[in-house]
Protein backbone atom coordinates (compact mmCIF):
# COMPACT_ATOMS: atom_id res chain seq x y z
CA MET A 1 37.57 16.57 -5.18
CA THR A 2 39.04 16.54 -8.57
CA LYS A 3 38.69 19.21 -11.45
CA LYS A 4 34.88 19.37 -12.84
CA LYS A 5 33.50 21.23 -16.09
CA TYR A 6 31.49 24.05 -15.32
CA ILE A 7 28.91 24.55 -17.74
CA ALA A 8 26.09 27.73 -16.75
CA VAL A 9 22.44 27.45 -18.58
CA LYS A 10 21.96 29.89 -21.22
CA LYS A 11 19.25 32.40 -18.32
CA VAL A 12 22.87 31.84 -16.04
CA ARG A 13 25.11 33.43 -19.04
CA GLN A 14 22.65 35.99 -20.21
CA PHE A 15 22.04 37.13 -16.21
CA VAL A 16 25.96 37.50 -16.02
CA GLU A 17 26.64 39.24 -19.25
CA SER A 18 24.00 41.80 -18.05
CA GLN A 19 25.82 42.52 -14.85
CA SER A 20 28.70 44.85 -14.76
CA ASN A 21 31.99 44.08 -16.22
CA GLU A 22 33.14 43.66 -12.42
CA VAL A 23 30.71 41.06 -11.61
CA GLN A 24 31.74 39.44 -15.01
CA ALA A 25 35.17 39.20 -14.49
CA GLU A 26 34.59 37.84 -10.67
CA TYR A 27 32.02 34.85 -11.89
CA LEU A 28 34.91 34.33 -14.51
CA LYS A 29 37.77 33.79 -11.76
CA ILE A 30 35.26 31.90 -9.32
CA SER A 31 33.85 29.61 -11.96
CA GLU A 32 37.30 28.77 -13.39
CA GLN A 33 38.63 27.88 -9.99
CA LEU A 34 35.46 25.87 -9.43
CA GLU A 35 36.33 23.95 -12.40
CA LYS A 36 40.36 23.18 -10.89
CA ASP A 37 39.30 22.74 -7.54
CA GLY A 38 35.83 20.99 -7.92
CA ARG A 39 34.65 22.77 -5.47
CA LEU A 40 34.34 26.11 -3.70
CA VAL A 41 34.62 27.77 -0.16
CA GLU A 42 33.59 30.76 1.83
CA PRO A 43 33.33 33.17 1.17
CA PHE A 44 33.10 31.82 -2.69
CA GLY A 45 30.61 29.66 -2.62
CA LYS A 46 28.06 28.12 0.12
CA LYS A 47 26.69 24.49 0.04
CA LEU A 48 22.26 25.61 0.33
CA ASP A 49 21.47 22.08 0.61
CA LYS A 50 22.28 18.35 -0.10
CA ASN A 51 22.10 19.53 -4.03
CA LEU A 52 22.33 22.94 -4.13
CA PHE A 53 24.83 25.36 -4.01
CA GLU A 54 25.75 29.51 -4.48
CA MET A 55 28.40 31.11 -6.16
CA ARG A 56 28.94 34.60 -4.30
CA ILE A 57 29.48 37.34 -6.37
CA ARG A 58 30.08 39.94 -3.82
CA ARG A 59 31.49 42.57 -6.03
CA GLY A 60 29.14 45.24 -7.80
CA GLY A 61 26.29 44.04 -5.27
CA GLN A 62 25.62 40.56 -3.88
CA VAL A 63 25.17 38.17 -7.03
CA ARG A 64 24.46 34.35 -6.46
CA ILE A 65 24.68 31.94 -9.45
CA LEU A 66 22.94 28.85 -8.17
CA TYR A 67 24.86 25.79 -9.27
CA PHE A 68 24.65 21.70 -8.65
CA TYR A 69 26.88 18.65 -9.30
CA HIS A 70 25.90 16.48 -12.65
CA GLU A 71 27.08 13.26 -13.11
CA ARG A 72 30.56 12.63 -12.33
CA GLU A 73 32.29 15.60 -13.81
CA TYR A 74 30.13 18.27 -14.53
CA VAL A 75 29.24 21.71 -12.72
CA ILE A 76 25.83 23.39 -13.57
CA GLY A 77 24.84 27.12 -13.24
CA VAL A 78 21.20 26.90 -13.27
CA HIS A 79 19.81 29.98 -11.67
CA GLY A 80 21.19 33.86 -11.14
CA PHE A 81 20.22 36.92 -9.13
CA THR A 82 20.59 40.14 -7.21
CA LYS A 83 20.49 38.82 -3.88
CA LYS A 84 19.03 41.99 -1.69
CA THR A 85 18.10 40.21 1.95
CA GLN A 86 20.28 38.30 3.98
CA LYS A 87 18.54 34.96 3.86
CA THR A 88 17.82 33.07 0.39
CA PRO A 89 14.44 33.65 -1.18
CA GLN A 90 12.11 30.55 -1.34
CA LYS A 91 11.21 31.85 -4.96
CA GLU A 92 15.13 32.09 -6.20
CA LEU A 93 15.66 28.20 -4.66
CA LYS A 94 12.27 27.25 -6.34
CA GLN A 95 12.92 28.21 -9.79
CA ALA A 96 16.69 26.78 -9.46
CA MET A 97 15.09 23.31 -8.60
CA ARG A 98 12.97 23.40 -11.00
CA VAL A 99 15.55 23.89 -13.74
CA ILE A 100 17.54 21.22 -11.78
CA GLY A 101 14.52 18.35 -12.20
CA LEU A 102 14.03 19.56 -15.88
CA LEU A 103 17.65 18.62 -16.52
CA LYS A 104 17.73 15.81 -14.38
CA ARG A 105 14.64 14.65 -16.75
CA GLY A 106 15.73 15.56 -20.34
CA GLU A 107 13.48 18.44 -20.94
CA TYR A 108 15.19 21.52 -20.06
CA ASP A 109 15.22 23.19 -23.46
CA GLU A 110 17.60 26.25 -24.18
């Protein structure tokens, strides 16, 4: 894959800023890797469905950033949460898909 530009929506940026320095440092490292390689492999990332992926930050808890690929060169972080169960909760997936829909229609407003 080719280089990508990673962008996080405001809510994701705020979520990451509310986390520990350890989590923020790992987030930065993983997002740089995503930009450089254009994709993430386990244990740093995982494909959840056709268009939705998760960034896995394991330091300081089980922090997840859900993202998708937009157009050719962009990767957009659309939702962040701390995972408390084995399986990703439907509520978190639905929130990410809602933001993706708004972004694709040009209706997302920060």
